[in-house]
Amino acid sequence: MMDLKLALKVDDLDNVATIFANDITDGTAVEVRDKKGNMEEIVVHGDVPYGHKIALCDIAKGEKIMKYGECIGAASQPIHKGDYVHVHNLEALRGRGDL
């Protein structure tokens, strides 16, 4: 039996899930679960460290990134379902001074 590769979607508004597994590499399928017990398998694009995020759907450039029901930033480029979401494609909206 394979080890379960798990990611959690914490809030209904979230468009990213947090990875709770090690050795997530490009092409790995992870099981995304939400608090209602719904499950969806998503194939990950890129190598994603434990505790980091993947996109649950396609996210357009400029669209808000939602985690724990809160906006944590905006997509700095188009993000595809399963992509690793981190500083390379996420722009923080807090503390920039121009908002």
PDB file of N, CA and C in Angstrom:
ATOM      1  N   MET A   1       0.835  -1.192   0.000  1.00  0.00           N
ATOM      2  CA  MET A   1       0.000   0.000   0.000  1.00  0.00           C
ATOM      3  C   MET A   1       0.876   1.251   0.000  1.00  0.00           C
ATOM      4  N   MET A   2       0.463   2.217  -0.787  1.00  0.00           N
ATOM      5  CA  MET A   2       1.210   3.474  -0.839  1.00  0.00           C
ATOM      6  C   MET A   2       0.876   4.334   0.364  1.00  0.00           C
ATOM      7  N   ASP A   3       1.830   5.158   0.754  1.00  0.00           N
ATOM      8  CA  ASP A   3       1.556   6.133   1.806  1.00  0.00           C
ATOM      9  C   ASP A   3       0.556   7.142   1.277  1.00  0.00           C
ATOM     10  N   LEU A   4      -0.374   7.539   2.141  1.00  0.00           N
ATOM     11  CA  LEU A   4      -1.344   8.550   1.760  1.00  0.00           C
ATOM     12  C   LEU A   4      -0.657   9.904   1.688  1.00  0.00           C
ATOM     13  N   LYS A   5      -0.808  10.566   0.577  1.00  0.00           N
ATOM     14  CA  LYS A   5      -0.283  11.914   0.391  1.00  0.00           C
ATOM     15  C   LYS A   5      -1.460  12.859   0.593  1.00  0.00           C
ATOM     16  N   LEU A   6      -1.436  13.590   1.700  1.00  0.00           N
ATOM     17  CA  LEU A   6      -2.606  14.357   2.119  1.00  0.00           C
ATOM     18  C   LEU A   6      -2.376  15.858   2.021  1.00  0.00           C
ATOM     19  N   ALA A   7      -3.418  16.571   1.596  1.00  0.00           N
ATOM     20  CA  ALA A   7      -3.438  18.032   1.633  1.00  0.00           C
ATOM     21  C   ALA A   7      -4.783  18.440   2.227  1.00  0.00           C
ATOM     22  N   LEU A   8      -4.790  19.539   2.969  1.00  0.00           N
ATOM     23  CA  LEU A   8      -6.018  19.989   3.626  1.00  0.00           C
ATOM     24  C   LEU A   8      -6.472  21.336   3.116  1.00  0.00           C
ATOM     25  N   LYS A   9      -7.775  21.400   2.812  1.00  0.00           N
ATOM     26  CA  LYS A   9      -8.459  22.650   2.492  1.00  0.00           C
ATOM     27  C   LYS A   9      -9.212  23.021   3.762  1.00  0.00           C
ATOM     28  N   VAL A  10      -8.807  24.108   4.412  1.00  0.00           N
ATOM     29  CA  VAL A  10      -9.322  24.425   5.745  1.00  0.00           C
ATOM     30  C   VAL A  10     -10.673  25.127   5.709  1.00  0.00           C
ATOM     31  N   ASP A  11     -10.869  26.028   4.756  1.00  0.00           N
ATOM     32  CA  ASP A  11     -12.083  26.851   4.704  1.00  0.00           C
ATOM     33  C   ASP A  11     -12.731  26.723   3.329  1.00  0.00           C
ATOM     34  N   ASP A  12     -14.050  26.848   3.276  1.00  0.00           N
ATOM     35  CA  ASP A  12     -14.766  26.737   1.999  1.00  0.00           C
ATOM     36  C   ASP A  12     -14.299  27.774   0.973  1.00  0.00           C
ATOM     37  N   LEU A  13     -13.816  28.932   1.438  1.00  0.00           N
ATOM     38  CA  LEU A  13     -13.375  29.990   0.528  1.00  0.00           C
ATOM     39  C   LEU A  13     -11.995  29.735  -0.071  1.00  0.00           C
ATOM     40  N   ASP A  14     -11.256  28.789   0.497  1.00  0.00           N
ATOM     41  CA  ASP A  14      -9.866  28.574   0.094  1.00  0.00           C
ATOM     42  C   ASP A  14      -9.749  28.094  -1.352  1.00  0.00           C
ATOM     43  N   ASN A  15      -8.735  28.621  -2.055  1.00  0.00           N
ATOM     44  CA  ASN A  15      -8.405  28.099  -3.382  1.00  0.00           C
ATOM     45  C   ASN A  15      -7.007  27.480  -3.397  1.00  0.00           C
ATOM     46  N   VAL A  16      -6.431  27.299  -2.194  1.00  0.00           N
ATOM     47  CA  VAL A  16      -5.193  26.534  -2.034  1.00  0.00           C
ATOM     48  C   VAL A  16      -5.388  25.535  -0.900  1.00  0.00           C
ATOM     49  N   ALA A  17      -4.588  24.478  -0.920  1.00  0.00           N
ATOM     50  CA  ALA A  17      -4.587  23.486   0.152  1.00  0.00           C
ATOM     51  C   ALA A  17      -3.156  23.331   0.643  1.00  0.00           C
ATOM     52  N   THR A  18      -3.012  22.999   1.924  1.00  0.00           N
ATOM     53  CA  THR A  18      -1.701  22.819   2.531  1.00  0.00           C
ATOM     54  C   THR A  18      -1.324  21.343   2.500  1.00  0.00           C
ATOM     55  N   ILE A  19      -0.101  21.063   2.049  1.00  0.00           N
ATOM     56  CA  ILE A  19       0.413  19.696   1.942  1.00  0.00           C
ATOM     57  C   ILE A  19       0.866  19.199   3.319  1.00  0.00           C
ATOM     58  N   PHE A  20       0.372  18.040   3.706  1.00  0.00           N
ATOM     59  CA  PHE A  20       0.807  17.403   4.950  1.00  0.00           C
ATOM     60  C   PHE A  20       1.427  16.041   4.626  1.00  0.00           C
ATOM     61  N   ALA A  21       2.475  16.078   3.823  1.00  0.00           N
ATOM     62  CA  ALA A  21       3.195  14.860   3.434  1.00  0.00           C
ATOM     63  C   ALA A  21       4.585  15.262   2.984  1.00  0.00           C
ATOM     64  N   ASN A  22       5.519  14.344   3.123  1.00  0.00           N
ATOM     65  CA  ASN A  22       6.875  14.553   2.631  1.00  0.00           C
ATOM     66  C   ASN A  22       7.011  13.933   1.243  1.00  0.00           C
ATOM     67  N   ASP A  23       8.070  14.305   0.562  1.00  0.00           N
ATOM     68  CA  ASP A  23       8.411  13.720  -0.738  1.00  0.00           C
ATOM     69  C   ASP A  23       7.347  13.945  -1.800  1.00  0.00           C
ATOM     70  N   ILE A  24       6.752  15.141  -1.800  1.00  0.00           N
ATOM     71  CA  ILE A  24       5.811  15.483  -2.874  1.00  0.00           C
ATOM     72  C   ILE A  24       6.632  16.057  -4.025  1.00  0.00           C
ATOM     73  N   THR A  25       6.690  15.301  -5.105  1.00  0.00           N
ATOM     74  CA  THR A  25       7.455  15.708  -6.281  1.00  0.00           C
ATOM     75  C   THR A  25       6.512  15.851  -7.462  1.00  0.00           C
ATOM     76  N   ASP A  26       7.033  16.442  -8.520  1.00  0.00           N
ATOM     77  CA  ASP A  26       6.240  16.688  -9.719  1.00  0.00           C
ATOM     78  C   ASP A  26       5.545  15.406 -10.171  1.00  0.00           C
ATOM     79  N   GLY A  27       4.230  15.478 -10.358  1.00  0.00           N
ATOM     80  CA  GLY A  27       3.458  14.331 -10.823  1.00  0.00           C
ATOM     81  C   GLY A  27       2.852  13.486  -9.721  1.00  0.00           C
ATOM     82  N   THR A  28       3.157  13.799  -8.450  1.00  0.00           N
ATOM     83  CA  THR A  28       2.581  13.055  -7.321  1.00  0.00           C
ATOM     84  C   THR A  28       1.090  13.392  -7.194  1.00  0.00           C
ATOM     85  N   ALA A  29       0.269  12.382  -6.974  1.00  0.00           N
ATOM     86  CA  ALA A  29      -1.158  12.614  -6.701  1.00  0.00           C
ATOM     87  C   ALA A  29      -1.339  12.764  -5.197  1.00  0.00           C
ATOM     88  N   VAL A  30      -2.034  13.813  -4.794  1.00  0.00           N
ATOM     89  CA  VAL A  30      -2.341  14.011  -3.377  1.00  0.00           C
ATOM     90  C   VAL A  30      -3.852  13.983  -3.193  1.00  0.00           C
ATOM     91  N   GLU A  31      -4.272  13.592  -2.010  1.00  0.00           N
ATOM     92  CA  GLU A  31      -5.687  13.573  -1.672  1.00  0.00           C
ATOM     93  C   GLU A  31      -5.994  14.831  -0.873  1.00  0.00           C
ATOM     94  N   VAL A  32      -6.821  15.693  -1.452  1.00  0.00           N
ATOM     95  CA  VAL A  32      -7.218  16.930  -0.785  1.00  0.00           C
ATOM     96  C   VAL A  32      -8.522  16.662  -0.037  1.00  0.00           C
ATOM     97  N   ARG A  33      -8.525  16.986   1.248  1.00  0.00           N
ATOM     98  CA  ARG A  33      -9.728  16.817   2.072  1.00  0.00           C
ATOM     99  C   ARG A  33     -10.147  18.159   2.639  1.00  0.00           C
ATOM    100  N   ASP A  34     -11.460  18.331   2.791  1.00  0.00           N
ATOM    101  CA  ASP A  34     -11.952  19.525   3.468  1.00  0.00           C
ATOM    102  C   ASP A  34     -12.624  19.124   4.771  1.00  0.00           C
ATOM    103  N   LYS A  35     -13.097  20.126   5.517  1.00  0.00           N
ATOM    104  CA  LYS A  35     -13.642  19.849   6.855  1.00  0.00           C
ATOM    105  C   LYS A  35     -14.956  19.074   6.805  1.00  0.00           C
ATOM    106  N   LYS A  36     -15.588  19.020   5.636  1.00  0.00           N
ATOM    107  CA  LYS A  36     -16.833  18.259   5.499  1.00  0.00           C
ATOM    108  C   LYS A  36     -16.571  16.798   5.149  1.00  0.00           C
ATOM    109  N   GLY A  37     -15.290  16.472   4.933  1.00  0.00           N
ATOM    110  CA  GLY A  37     -14.948  15.101   4.573  1.00  0.00           C
ATOM    111  C   GLY A  37     -14.919  14.850   3.080  1.00  0.00           C
ATOM    112  N   ASN A  38     -15.138  15.898   2.280  1.00  0.00           N
ATOM    113  CA  ASN A  38     -15.032  15.741   0.827  1.00  0.00           C
ATOM    114  C   ASN A  38     -13.583  15.485   0.453  1.00  0.00           C
ATOM    115  N   MET A  39     -13.376  14.675  -0.583  1.00  0.00           N
ATOM    116  CA  MET A  39     -12.033  14.351  -1.028  1.00  0.00           C
ATOM    117  C   MET A  39     -11.920  14.549  -2.528  1.00  0.00           C
ATOM    118  N   GLU A  40     -10.766  15.026  -2.954  1.00  0.00           N
ATOM    119  CA  GLU A  40     -10.474  15.167  -4.382  1.00  0.00           C
ATOM    120  C   GLU A  40      -9.003  14.850  -4.575  1.00  0.00           C
ATOM    121  N   GLU A  41      -8.697  14.079  -5.600  1.00  0.00           N
ATOM    122  CA  GLU A  41      -7.300  13.791  -5.904  1.00  0.00           C
ATOM    123  C   GLU A  41      -6.798  14.809  -6.918  1.00  0.00           C
ATOM    124  N   ILE A  42      -5.653  15.418  -6.607  1.00  0.00           N
ATOM    125  CA  ILE A  42      -5.041  16.421  -7.481  1.00  0.00           C
ATOM    126  C   ILE A  42      -3.600  16.007  -7.745  1.00  0.00           C
ATOM    127  N   VAL A  43      -3.194  16.102  -9.011  1.00  0.00           N
ATOM    128  CA  VAL A  43      -1.806  15.823  -9.372  1.00  0.00           C
ATOM    129  C   VAL A  43      -1.016  17.115  -9.213  1.00  0.00           C
ATOM    130  N   VAL A  44       0.093  17.029  -8.472  1.00  0.00           N
ATOM    131  CA  VAL A  44       0.902  18.195  -8.151  1.00  0.00           C
ATOM    132  C   VAL A  44       1.901  18.478  -9.264  1.00  0.00           C
ATOM    133  N   HIS A  45       2.051  19.766  -9.594  1.00  0.00           N
ATOM    134  CA  HIS A  45       3.054  20.219 -10.569  1.00  0.00           C
ATOM    135  C   HIS A  45       4.183  20.878  -9.792  1.00  0.00           C
ATOM    136  N   GLY A  46       5.352  20.298  -9.831  1.00  0.00           N
ATOM    137  CA  GLY A  46       6.494  20.831  -9.107  1.00  0.00           C
ATOM    138  C   GLY A  46       6.724  20.053  -7.820  1.00  0.00           C
ATOM    139  N   ASP A  47       7.847  20.332  -7.177  1.00  0.00           N
ATOM    140  CA  ASP A  47       8.183  19.703  -5.901  1.00  0.00           C
ATOM    141  C   ASP A  47       7.691  20.628  -4.789  1.00  0.00           C
ATOM    142  N   VAL A  48       6.882  20.093  -3.891  1.00  0.00           N
ATOM    143  CA  VAL A  48       6.241  20.919  -2.861  1.00  0.00           C
ATOM    144  C   VAL A  48       6.662  20.429  -1.478  1.00  0.00           C
ATOM    145  N   PRO A  49       7.344  21.277  -0.695  1.00  0.00           N
ATOM    146  CA  PRO A  49       7.745  20.872   0.653  1.00  0.00           C
ATOM    147  C   PRO A  49       6.553  20.724   1.593  1.00  0.00           C
ATOM    148  N   TYR A  50       6.736  19.935   2.643  1.00  0.00           N
ATOM    149  CA  TYR A  50       5.736  19.759   3.704  1.00  0.00           C
ATOM    150  C   TYR A  50       5.311  21.139   4.216  1.00  0.00           C
ATOM    151  N   GLY A  51       4.004  21.326   4.384  1.00  0.00           N
ATOM    152  CA  GLY A  51       3.479  22.572   4.934  1.00  0.00           C
ATOM    153  C   GLY A  51       3.295  23.690   3.933  1.00  0.00           C
ATOM    154  N   HIS A  52       3.640  23.437   2.658  1.00  0.00           N
ATOM    155  CA  HIS A  52       3.466  24.458   1.624  1.00  0.00           C
ATOM    156  C   HIS A  52       2.146  24.226   0.886  1.00  0.00           C
ATOM    157  N   LYS A  53       1.826  25.102  -0.061  1.00  0.00           N
ATOM    158  CA  LYS A  53       0.505  25.142  -0.669  1.00  0.00           C
ATOM    159  C   LYS A  53       0.490  24.706  -2.125  1.00  0.00           C
ATOM    160  N   ILE A  54      -0.653  24.128  -2.528  1.00  0.00           N
ATOM    161  CA  ILE A  54      -0.930  23.879  -3.944  1.00  0.00           C
ATOM    162  C   ILE A  54      -2.261  24.525  -4.298  1.00  0.00           C
ATOM    163  N   ALA A  55      -2.413  24.854  -5.572  1.00  0.00           N
ATOM    164  CA  ALA A  55      -3.658  25.451  -6.063  1.00  0.00           C
ATOM    165  C   ALA A  55      -4.726  24.377  -6.227  1.00  0.00           C
ATOM    166  N   LEU A  56      -5.944  24.689  -5.784  1.00  0.00           N
ATOM    167  CA  LEU A  56      -7.070  23.766  -5.911  1.00  0.00           C
ATOM    168  C   LEU A  56      -7.828  23.954  -7.222  1.00  0.00           C
ATOM    169  N   CYS A  57      -7.506  25.026  -7.920  1.00  0.00           N
ATOM    170  CA  CYS A  57      -8.175  25.345  -9.187  1.00  0.00           C
ATOM    171  C   CYS A  57      -7.246  26.281  -9.951  1.00  0.00           C
ATOM    172  N   ASP A  58      -7.587  26.571 -11.186  1.00  0.00           N
ATOM    173  CA  ASP A  58      -6.826  27.570 -11.928  1.00  0.00           C
ATOM    174  C   ASP A  58      -7.084  28.938 -11.285  1.00  0.00           C
ATOM    175  N   ILE A  59      -6.017  29.721 -11.140  1.00  0.00           N
ATOM    176  CA  ILE A  59      -6.108  31.052 -10.529  1.00  0.00           C
ATOM    177  C   ILE A  59      -5.493  32.037 -11.515  1.00  0.00           C
ATOM    178  N   ALA A  60      -6.262  33.035 -11.918  1.00  0.00           N
ATOM    179  CA  ALA A  60      -5.793  34.001 -12.909  1.00  0.00           C
ATOM    180  C   ALA A  60      -4.820  34.998 -12.279  1.00  0.00           C
ATOM    181  N   LYS A  61      -3.947  35.563 -13.102  1.00  0.00           N
ATOM    182  CA  LYS A  61      -3.036  36.601 -12.625  1.00  0.00           C
ATOM    183  C   LYS A  61      -3.858  37.721 -11.987  1.00  0.00           C
ATOM    184  N   GLY A  62      -3.471  38.144 -10.800  1.00  0.00           N
ATOM    185  CA  GLY A  62      -4.182  39.212 -10.090  1.00  0.00           C
ATOM    186  C   GLY A  62      -5.292  38.722  -9.186  1.00  0.00           C
ATOM    187  N   GLU A  63      -5.700  37.462  -9.346  1.00  0.00           N
ATOM    188  CA  GLU A  63      -6.779  36.908  -8.517  1.00  0.00           C
ATOM    189  C   GLU A  63      -6.280  36.663  -7.092  1.00  0.00           C
ATOM    190  N   LYS A  64      -7.167  36.846  -6.131  1.00  0.00           N
ATOM    191  CA  LYS A  64      -6.800  36.640  -4.730  1.00  0.00           C
ATOM    192  C   LYS A  64      -6.511  35.175  -4.429  1.00  0.00           C
ATOM    193  N   ILE A  65      -5.501  34.963  -3.594  1.00  0.00           N
ATOM    194  CA  ILE A  65      -5.175  33.619  -3.097  1.00  0.00           C
ATOM    195  C   ILE A  65      -5.741  33.533  -1.683  1.00  0.00           C
ATOM    196  N   MET A  66      -6.604  32.543  -1.472  1.00  0.00           N
ATOM    197  CA  MET A  66      -7.319  32.403  -0.205  1.00  0.00           C
ATOM    198  C   MET A  66      -6.827  31.175   0.549  1.00  0.00           C
ATOM    199  N   LYS A  67      -6.423  31.391   1.817  1.00  0.00           N
ATOM    200  CA  LYS A  67      -6.001  30.305   2.699  1.00  0.00           C
ATOM    201  C   LYS A  67      -6.596  30.576   4.070  1.00  0.00           C
ATOM    202  N   TYR A  68      -7.151  29.555   4.694  1.00  0.00           N
ATOM    203  CA  TYR A  68      -7.828  29.686   6.001  1.00  0.00           C
ATOM    204  C   TYR A  68      -8.938  30.734   5.948  1.00  0.00           C
ATOM    205  N   GLY A  69      -9.556  30.906   4.766  1.00  0.00           N
ATOM    206  CA  GLY A  69     -10.641  31.864   4.620  1.00  0.00           C
ATOM    207  C   GLY A  69     -10.185  33.309   4.537  1.00  0.00           C
ATOM    208  N   GLU A  70      -8.877  33.537   4.467  1.00  0.00           N
ATOM    209  CA  GLU A  70      -8.312  34.882   4.417  1.00  0.00           C
ATOM    210  C   GLU A  70      -7.525  35.060   3.122  1.00  0.00           C
ATOM    211  N   CYS A  71      -7.521  36.278   2.610  1.00  0.00           N
ATOM    212  CA  CYS A  71      -6.699  36.579   1.436  1.00  0.00           C
ATOM    213  C   CYS A  71      -5.247  36.715   1.893  1.00  0.00           C
ATOM    214  N   ILE A  72      -4.369  35.889   1.338  1.00  0.00           N
ATOM    215  CA  ILE A  72      -2.949  35.948   1.717  1.00  0.00           C
ATOM    216  C   ILE A  72      -2.109  36.608   0.629  1.00  0.00           C
ATOM    217  N   GLY A  73      -2.737  37.005  -0.470  1.00  0.00           N
ATOM    218  CA  GLY A  73      -2.012  37.651  -1.556  1.00  0.00           C
ATOM    219  C   GLY A  73      -2.757  37.476  -2.860  1.00  0.00           C
ATOM    220  N   ALA A  74      -2.051  37.783  -3.948  1.00  0.00           N
ATOM    221  CA  ALA A  74      -2.634  37.664  -5.278  1.00  0.00           C
ATOM    222  C   ALA A  74      -1.646  36.934  -6.178  1.00  0.00           C
ATOM    223  N   ALA A  75      -2.188  36.283  -7.180  1.00  0.00           N
ATOM    224  CA  ALA A  75      -1.351  35.561  -8.138  1.00  0.00           C
ATOM    225  C   ALA A  75      -0.557  36.567  -8.964  1.00  0.00           C
ATOM    226  N   SER A  76       0.771  36.418  -8.996  1.00  0.00           N
ATOM    227  CA  SER A  76       1.617  37.311  -9.795  1.00  0.00           C
ATOM    228  C   SER A  76       1.735  36.824 -11.238  1.00  0.00           C
ATOM    229  N   GLN A  77       1.199  35.637 -11.492  1.00  0.00           N
ATOM    230  CA  GLN A  77       1.166  35.050 -12.832  1.00  0.00           C
ATOM    231  C   GLN A  77       0.042  34.015 -12.816  1.00  0.00           C
ATOM    232  N   PRO A  78      -0.406  33.546 -13.984  1.00  0.00           N
ATOM    233  CA  PRO A  78      -1.440  32.503 -13.967  1.00  0.00           C
ATOM    234  C   PRO A  78      -0.943  31.262 -13.226  1.00  0.00           C
ATOM    235  N   ILE A  79      -1.811  30.691 -12.399  1.00  0.00           N
ATOM    236  CA  ILE A  79      -1.489  29.489 -11.626  1.00  0.00           C
ATOM    237  C   ILE A  79      -2.492  28.418 -12.040  1.00  0.00           C
ATOM    238  N   HIS A  80      -1.996  27.222 -12.290  1.00  0.00           N
ATOM    239  CA  HIS A  80      -2.865  26.128 -12.709  1.00  0.00           C
ATOM    240  C   HIS A  80      -3.160  25.197 -11.540  1.00  0.00           C
ATOM    241  N   LYS A  81      -4.286  24.534 -11.624  1.00  0.00           N
ATOM    242  CA  LYS A  81      -4.664  23.556 -10.607  1.00  0.00           C
ATOM    243  C   LYS A  81      -3.517  22.574 -10.392  1.00  0.00           C
ATOM    244  N   GLY A  82      -3.136  22.381  -9.133  1.00  0.00           N
ATOM    245  CA  GLY A  82      -2.052  21.468  -8.808  1.00  0.00           C
ATOM    246  C   GLY A  82      -0.685  22.136  -8.700  1.00  0.00           C
ATOM    247  N   ASP A  83      -0.581  23.401  -9.136  1.00  0.00           N
ATOM    248  CA  ASP A  83       0.704  24.101  -9.065  1.00  0.00           C
ATOM    249  C   ASP A  83       1.091  24.411  -7.622  1.00  0.00           C
ATOM    250  N   TYR A  84       2.386  24.417  -7.380  1.00  0.00           N
ATOM    251  CA  TYR A  84       2.967  24.868  -6.114  1.00  0.00           C
ATOM    252  C   TYR A  84       2.728  26.379  -6.022  1.00  0.00           C
ATOM    253  N   VAL A  85       2.141  26.832  -4.936  1.00  0.00           N
ATOM    254  CA  VAL A  85       1.865  28.259  -4.739  1.00  0.00           C
ATOM    255  C   VAL A  85       2.808  28.767  -3.654  1.00  0.00           C
ATOM    256  N   HIS A  86       3.691  29.692  -4.043  1.00  0.00           N
ATOM    257  CA  HIS A  86       4.681  30.223  -3.103  1.00  0.00           C
ATOM    258  C   HIS A  86       5.159  31.576  -3.632  1.00  0.00           C
ATOM    259  N   VAL A  87       6.263  32.089  -3.120  1.00  0.00           N
ATOM    260  CA  VAL A  87       6.713  33.437  -3.461  1.00  0.00           C
ATOM    261  C   VAL A  87       6.977  33.644  -4.957  1.00  0.00           C
ATOM    262  N   HIS A  88       7.229  32.567  -5.698  1.00  0.00           N
ATOM    263  CA  HIS A  88       7.504  32.715  -7.131  1.00  0.00           C
ATOM    264  C   HIS A  88       6.253  33.067  -7.937  1.00  0.00           C
ATOM    265  N   ASN A  89       5.059  32.816  -7.380  1.00  0.00           N
ATOM    266  CA  ASN A  89       3.829  33.146  -8.123  1.00  0.00           C
ATOM    267  C   ASN A  89       2.762  33.785  -7.245  1.00  0.00           C
ATOM    268  N   LEU A  90       3.164  34.179  -6.026  1.00  0.00           N
ATOM    269  CA  LEU A  90       2.238  34.807  -5.083  1.00  0.00           C
ATOM    270  C   LEU A  90       2.836  36.136  -4.656  1.00  0.00           C
ATOM    271  N   GLU A  91       2.035  37.179  -4.775  1.00  0.00           N
ATOM    272  CA  GLU A  91       2.477  38.503  -4.367  1.00  0.00           C
ATOM    273  C   GLU A  91       1.686  38.895  -3.125  1.00  0.00           C
ATOM    274  N   ALA A  92       2.384  39.161  -2.036  1.00  0.00           N
ATOM    275  CA  ALA A  92       1.706  39.577  -0.807  1.00  0.00           C
ATOM    276  C   ALA A  92       1.064  40.933  -1.027  1.00  0.00           C
ATOM    277  N   LEU A  93      -0.131  41.105  -0.485  1.00  0.00           N
ATOM    278  CA  LEU A  93      -0.830  42.379  -0.632  1.00  0.00           C
ATOM    279  C   LEU A  93      -0.693  43.248   0.614  1.00  0.00           C
ATOM    280  N   ARG A  94      -0.225  42.658   1.704  1.00  0.00           N
ATOM    281  CA  ARG A  94      -0.098  43.419   2.949  1.00  0.00           C
ATOM    282  C   ARG A  94       1.243  44.117   3.007  1.00  0.00           C
ATOM    283  N   GLY A  95       1.252  45.303   3.591  1.00  0.00           N
ATOM    284  CA  GLY A  95       2.497  45.990   3.884  1.00  0.00           C
ATOM    285  C   GLY A  95       3.219  46.557   2.676  1.00  0.00           C
ATOM    286  N   ARG A  96       2.540  46.660   1.541  1.00  0.00           N
ATOM    287  CA  ARG A  96       3.210  47.216   0.360  1.00  0.00           C
ATOM    288  C   ARG A  96       3.214  48.736   0.394  1.00  0.00           C
ATOM    289  N   GLY A  97       2.217  49.301   1.101  1.00  0.00           N
ATOM    290  CA  GLY A  97       2.160  50.762   1.207  1.00  0.00           C
ATOM    291  C   GLY A  97       1.427  51.435   0.066  1.00  0.00           C
ATOM    292  N   ASP A  98       1.068  50.694  -0.977  1.00  0.00           N
ATOM    293  CA  ASP A  98       0.384  51.329  -2.109  1.00  0.00           C
ATOM    294  C   ASP A  98      -1.075  50.901  -2.200  1.00  0.00           C
ATOM    295  N   LEU A  99      -1.583  50.257  -1.155  1.00  0.00           N
ATOM    296  CA  LEU A  99      -2.981  49.800  -1.183  1.00  0.00           C
ATOM    297  C   LEU A  99      -3.864  50.730  -0.412  1.00  0.00           C
TER     298      LEU A  99
END
